[in-house]
Amino acid sequence: MIMVNPKPSSRFIFFTLTLFLILTLFITSAITSVNAQLDNEDLEADFDELIALDEEVDSERKSEEKNGNNIKQSEAELLSKAQRIVIELNSDNTKRVIDENEFILVLGYAPWCPRSAELMPRFAEAATALKDLGSSLLMAKIDIDRHTKSASSLEIKGVPTLLLFVNGTSQPYSGGFTSEEIVVWSMKKTGVPIQRIGSVSDANQFLNKHSIFVVGFFDKFQGSEYEEFVKAAAAENEIQFIETSNLDVANILFPDVKIDNLFIGLVKNEAEKFTSFNGIVTVDGILQFVNYNKFPLVTILTELNSAKVYSSLIKLQLYVFANEDDFKSLVEPLREIARKFRSKIMFIYIDINEDNLAKPFLTMLGIEGSDETVVAAFNNEISSKYLLEADPTPSEIEEFCARLAKGTQPHYYKSQPIPSNEGETENIHVIVGKTFTELVLSSPNNIVLEVHTPWCMNGDVVKKNVEKLAKHFKGLDTLIFARIDASVNEHPKLEVEDYPTILFYPATDKSNPIKLSTKSSLKELAVVINKNLKNQQKNDEL
């Protein structure tokens, strides 16, 4: 027989729970009563012991942190102090702060912007340096996401944005983005174009803070040459100008100054550290000297200095695209070559793995997929490009530079490899940059050329029309249909602005191609081609 335990009733469950709660309360009360009988002095002694133990552990922890992270803490404290100097603008104080201060440099930022995050600590460091210099400039920042209306009233539209307000009127920031460059630009824009240094100790302190500057030694701070120096200092917004009448100071800043009454030199923190000015002391002469010599012998391109590099007065620029390891073996020979072509060619290195910096240039050269060292040059004055097609050895690079300087290096036009077949279809020839002269300009035939790019809006329609025309005129030996992809092929005689474009090259005059309308119907295009063929035939008979 199977025995079944009866299920407990709800009354039994309630009774059990009640009993459990009563027992719990009783036990808790008993424990409390026992604790209440303990001696108060013993409790206090135990408590003091716990506090002492906790303080000991905390002291050890702080000591370890101090020893292990001393530098990190110091940097964090400095940054925290610097950030407190920068005023945080908001919806309530923006107008008042702008109205009440003569000079204010405002940084518009957003928490999600990586460039804002990169710039903000430098901005804070600059604020500290400016305060130490006694500058009256107020530094402020505004979160454009939180305070949209206030940012809009300041005409801040993107991030990061730097604006200088002078008596309420704004002007865009045009300096560099290191803390030193922000300080120099700010000082000059607020009426302090030159720092005067009178002692050796001040000179040594200055050297610890600045990596590039122009030093002027004047026996007396007067005269026409000194006035030109002051004007040049005010005009050059990126580099600090220093003046002194103390020869010992001058020799600290620029060793071996031996001139008694006048000397001007540029100092920068790189291999070519000291450069003397030997020209006529005029504003233009000094500025040209600075602009031609302020960059390192080989400049490493970054997103922060790219604008300065592209706007350099040296328009002929040599670019070396390589990975870091390959560049290390090239950098010293490159510096030696750069010394020989100083002021004529600017030498620039780009890490070939930095897509944002390298890819636009490599795309212009038609070799964006390259992972080998590439040496190329661009003349920004005449919008031309050049490519070293030999191995990039130091001797080949130097010869390449010599041809560039003389103007004998041929321009480079990108081209796809010469195709093995005659075309995508049996009726259409594929033209590339390297075959354009032979197959178009030197051909004895009439040529209909479709010029296209992958991004053409109506490229497929034009492509099909050209293929149908080629089929329609098949068998006519004097007429050849061809196409060229202008995105990866160039030629000096192929000048097209709109894509796709259809050009008719008459057999007897290839210098003046006739542009056919891509909006015309297939029939209309056939009529125009026939007309041009007949005109060509008449010319041949004459």
Foldseek 3Di string as FASTA:
>chain_A
DDDDDDDDDPVVVVVVVVVVVVVVVVVVVVVVVVVVPDDPVVVVVVVVVVVVVVVVVVVVVVVVCCVPVVVVVVVVVLLVVLVVQAAEDAPPCLVVVLQPAQKEKEWEAAPVDPVRVVQVSQLSVLSVVCVVVVHSYRYYYYHCVRHVPSCVVVVNDDPGFIWMRGNNDIDGDDWFRGSVQVNQLRCLVRPNLEAEDEDQVVLVVVVVPDFKAKEKAALDCDDDLNVQVSVLSSVDRGHYYYYYPDVVSVCSNPNPDDDNGIWMWIAGNDPCGIDTQDDDRHSVSVNLVCLLPVAQLEAEDDPRCVVVVPPGPQQKEKEKEAAPVVVVVVVVLSSVLSVVCRSHYRHYYYHLPPCVPNQVVCLQQLRSVDHHIWMKIARRVVGFIAGQPDPPDSVSVSVVVVCVSVVNGDTHWFWDPDDPDQDPDPQEGEDIQVCCCPPQVVDLAKEKEWEAEPPAPCQVVLVVLLVVLSVVPPPVVRYGYYYYHRSGGDYPQDDDDDPGWIWIQQSVHNSDTDTDDSPDDSVVVNVVVVVVVVVSVVVVVD
